[in-house]
């Protein structure tokens, strides 16, 4: 069954999707400040959101339905989600401002 296959490789799927999502996030900053391309920002935002949240939710629900209790994996996903919607927003704004300042400064030197 597909759910069993997904749950057997849940950590690999989660880490792989996070790597791609964070890569898309950094590309989004690059596209926003260096390329100044709105379409590339939207595409990278879609990739980042789709691979950043969707697998977490799907794997968390499947894991909870399979185990019928909250285990370490489900607790880890819940804590990551709560961090993302609370404190994580602040850090993304800080990173965004620093990258914007750096890109503006670097563009003036070139």
C-alpha atoms as a PDB file:
ATOM      1  CA  UNK A   1       0.000   0.000   0.000  1.00  0.00           C
ATOM      2  CA  UNK A   2       1.176   3.551  -0.718  1.00  0.00           C
ATOM      3  CA  UNK A   3       0.708   4.727   2.870  1.00  0.00           C
ATOM      4  CA  UNK A   4       2.956   1.943   4.147  1.00  0.00           C
ATOM      5  CA  UNK A   5       5.640   2.856   1.631  1.00  0.00           C
ATOM      6  CA  UNK A   6       5.440   6.537   2.577  1.00  0.00           C
ATOM      7  CA  UNK A   7       5.608   5.772   6.279  1.00  0.00           C
ATOM      8  CA  UNK A   8       8.530   3.389   5.807  1.00  0.00           C
ATOM      9  CA  UNK A   9      10.553   6.243   4.283  1.00  0.00           C
ATOM     10  CA  UNK A  10       9.001   9.175   6.167  1.00  0.00           C
ATOM     11  CA  UNK A  11      12.262  10.676   7.443  1.00  0.00           C
ATOM     12  CA  UNK A  12      13.922  10.449   4.034  1.00  0.00           C
ATOM     13  CA  UNK A  13      10.909  12.066   2.374  1.00  0.00           C
ATOM     14  CA  UNK A  14      10.745  14.769   5.028  1.00  0.00           C
ATOM     15  CA  UNK A  15      14.452  15.662   4.840  1.00  0.00           C
ATOM     16  CA  UNK A  16      14.495  15.582   1.021  1.00  0.00           C
ATOM     17  CA  UNK A  17      11.439  17.833   0.768  1.00  0.00           C
ATOM     18  CA  UNK A  18      12.901  20.239   3.327  1.00  0.00           C
ATOM     19  CA  UNK A  19      16.177  20.491   1.393  1.00  0.00           C
ATOM     20  CA  UNK A  20      14.312  21.318  -1.813  1.00  0.00           C
ATOM     21  CA  UNK A  21      11.959  23.719   0.004  1.00  0.00           C
ATOM     22  CA  UNK A  22      14.820  25.640   1.619  1.00  0.00           C
ATOM     23  CA  UNK A  23      16.701  25.733  -1.676  1.00  0.00           C
ATOM     24  CA  UNK A  24      13.601  27.202  -3.300  1.00  0.00           C
ATOM     25  CA  UNK A  25      13.342  29.720  -0.462  1.00  0.00           C
ATOM     26  CA  UNK A  26      16.888  30.952  -1.009  1.00  0.00           C
ATOM     27  CA  UNK A  27      16.300  31.042  -4.762  1.00  0.00           C
ATOM     28  CA  UNK A  28      13.200  33.109  -4.053  1.00  0.00           C
ATOM     29  CA  UNK A  29      15.364  35.699  -2.293  1.00  0.00           C
ATOM     30  CA  UNK A  30      17.809  35.618  -5.212  1.00  0.00           C
ATOM     31  CA  UNK A  31      15.015  36.046  -7.754  1.00  0.00           C
ATOM     32  CA  UNK A  32      13.457  38.828  -5.731  1.00  0.00           C
ATOM     33  CA  UNK A  33      16.514  41.002  -5.137  1.00  0.00           C
ATOM     34  CA  UNK A  34      19.008  40.096  -7.852  1.00  0.00           C
ATOM     35  CA  UNK A  35      16.897  39.049 -10.817  1.00  0.00           C
ATOM     36  CA  UNK A  36      13.913  41.199  -9.830  1.00  0.00           C
ATOM     37  CA  UNK A  37      11.612  38.641 -11.438  1.00  0.00           C
ATOM     38  CA  UNK A  38       8.125  38.376  -9.970  1.00  0.00           C
ATOM     39  CA  UNK A  39       7.285  35.191 -11.870  1.00  0.00           C
ATOM     40  CA  UNK A  40      10.386  33.401 -10.555  1.00  0.00           C
ATOM     41  CA  UNK A  41       9.548  34.548  -7.042  1.00  0.00           C
ATOM     42  CA  UNK A  42       6.035  33.112  -7.399  1.00  0.00           C
ATOM     43  CA  UNK A  43       7.312  29.834  -8.825  1.00  0.00           C
ATOM     44  CA  UNK A  44       9.902  29.399  -6.089  1.00  0.00           C
ATOM     45  CA  UNK A  45       7.340  30.394  -3.438  1.00  0.00           C
ATOM     46  CA  UNK A  46       4.962  27.730  -4.778  1.00  0.00           C
ATOM     47  CA  UNK A  47       7.692  25.089  -4.723  1.00  0.00           C
ATOM     48  CA  UNK A  48       8.789  26.121  -1.242  1.00  0.00           C
ATOM     49  CA  UNK A  49       5.261  26.091   0.140  1.00  0.00           C
ATOM     50  CA  UNK A  50       4.233  22.907  -1.643  1.00  0.00           C
ATOM     51  CA  UNK A  51       7.277  20.937  -0.549  1.00  0.00           C
ATOM     52  CA  UNK A  52       7.576  22.639   2.806  1.00  0.00           C
ATOM     53  CA  UNK A  53       4.078  22.115   4.176  1.00  0.00           C
ATOM     54  CA  UNK A  54       2.246  19.502   2.129  1.00  0.00           C
ATOM     55  CA  UNK A  55       4.533  16.535   2.906  1.00  0.00           C
ATOM     56  CA  UNK A  56       4.611  17.497   6.581  1.00  0.00           C
ATOM     57  CA  UNK A  57       0.838  17.508   6.850  1.00  0.00           C
ATOM     58  CA  UNK A  58       0.309  14.351   4.789  1.00  0.00           C
ATOM     59  CA  UNK A  59       3.024  12.366   6.578  1.00  0.00           C
ATOM     60  CA  UNK A  60       1.872  13.622   9.975  1.00  0.00           C
ATOM     61  CA  UNK A  61      -1.738  12.608   9.358  1.00  0.00           C
ATOM     62  CA  UNK A  62      -0.754   9.218   7.907  1.00  0.00           C
ATOM     63  CA  UNK A  63       1.604   8.558  10.799  1.00  0.00           C
ATOM     64  CA  UNK A  64      -1.041   9.500  13.371  1.00  0.00           C
ATOM     65  CA  UNK A  65      -3.681   7.338  11.678  1.00  0.00           C
ATOM     66  CA  UNK A  66      -1.275   4.407  11.501  1.00  0.00           C
ATOM     67  CA  UNK A  67       0.019   4.647  15.084  1.00  0.00           C
ATOM     68  CA  UNK A  68      -3.226   5.868  16.721  1.00  0.00           C
ATOM     69  CA  UNK A  69      -1.091   7.958  19.091  1.00  0.00           C
ATOM     70  CA  UNK A  70       1.339  10.848  19.054  1.00  0.00           C
ATOM     71  CA  UNK A  71       4.870   9.540  18.650  1.00  0.00           C
ATOM     72  CA  UNK A  72       8.169  11.382  18.186  1.00  0.00           C
ATOM     73  CA  UNK A  73       7.622  11.916  14.449  1.00  0.00           C
ATOM     74  CA  UNK A  74       4.183  13.488  14.904  1.00  0.00           C
ATOM     75  CA  UNK A  75       5.424  15.590  17.821  1.00  0.00           C
ATOM     76  CA  UNK A  76       8.391  16.732  15.727  1.00  0.00           C
ATOM     77  CA  UNK A  77       6.094  17.782  12.873  1.00  0.00           C
ATOM     78  CA  UNK A  78       3.733  19.606  15.211  1.00  0.00           C
ATOM     79  CA  UNK A  79       6.606  21.481  16.827  1.00  0.00           C
ATOM     80  CA  UNK A  80       8.065  22.439  13.421  1.00  0.00           C
ATOM     81  CA  UNK A  81       4.666  23.644  12.229  1.00  0.00           C
ATOM     82  CA  UNK A  82       4.064  25.687  15.385  1.00  0.00           C
ATOM     83  CA  UNK A  83       7.554  27.171  15.143  1.00  0.00           C
ATOM     84  CA  UNK A  84       6.937  28.065  11.508  1.00  0.00           C
ATOM     85  CA  UNK A  85       3.681  29.894  12.098  1.00  0.00           C
ATOM     86  CA  UNK A  86       4.844  31.724  15.243  1.00  0.00           C
ATOM     87  CA  UNK A  87       8.539  32.459  15.677  1.00  0.00           C
ATOM     88  CA  UNK A  88       9.579  31.390  12.171  1.00  0.00           C
ATOM     89  CA  UNK A  89       7.832  34.340  10.516  1.00  0.00           C
ATOM     90  CA  UNK A  90       9.989  36.734  12.518  1.00  0.00           C
ATOM     91  CA  UNK A  91      13.186  34.980  11.437  1.00  0.00           C
ATOM     92  CA  UNK A  92      12.152  34.964   7.780  1.00  0.00           C
ATOM     93  CA  UNK A  93      11.548  38.720   7.985  1.00  0.00           C
ATOM     94  CA  UNK A  94      14.991  39.235   9.552  1.00  0.00           C
ATOM     95  CA  UNK A  95      16.631  37.100   6.864  1.00  0.00           C
ATOM     96  CA  UNK A  96      14.679  38.950   4.173  1.00  0.00           C
ATOM     97  CA  UNK A  97      15.838  42.358   5.405  1.00  0.00           C
ATOM     98  CA  UNK A  98      19.477  41.248   5.665  1.00  0.00           C
ATOM     99  CA  UNK A  99      19.459  39.754   2.173  1.00  0.00           C
ATOM    100  CA  UNK A 100      17.788  42.888   0.804  1.00  0.00           C
ATOM    101  CA  UNK A 101      20.436  45.112   2.404  1.00  0.00           C
ATOM    102  CA  UNK A 102      23.246  42.852   1.194  1.00  0.00           C
ATOM    103  CA  UNK A 103      21.858  42.680  -2.347  1.00  0.00           C
ATOM    104  CA  UNK A 104      21.380  46.438  -2.514  1.00  0.00           C
ATOM    105  CA  UNK A 105      24.932  47.017  -1.315  1.00  0.00           C
ATOM    106  CA  UNK A 106      26.388  44.395  -3.666  1.00  0.00           C
ATOM    107  CA  UNK A 107      24.456  45.740  -6.656  1.00  0.00           C
ATOM    108  CA  UNK A 108      25.920  49.211  -6.092  1.00  0.00           C
ATOM    109  CA  UNK A 109      29.470  47.857  -6.235  1.00  0.00           C
ATOM    110  CA  UNK A 110      28.881  46.048  -9.543  1.00  0.00           C
END
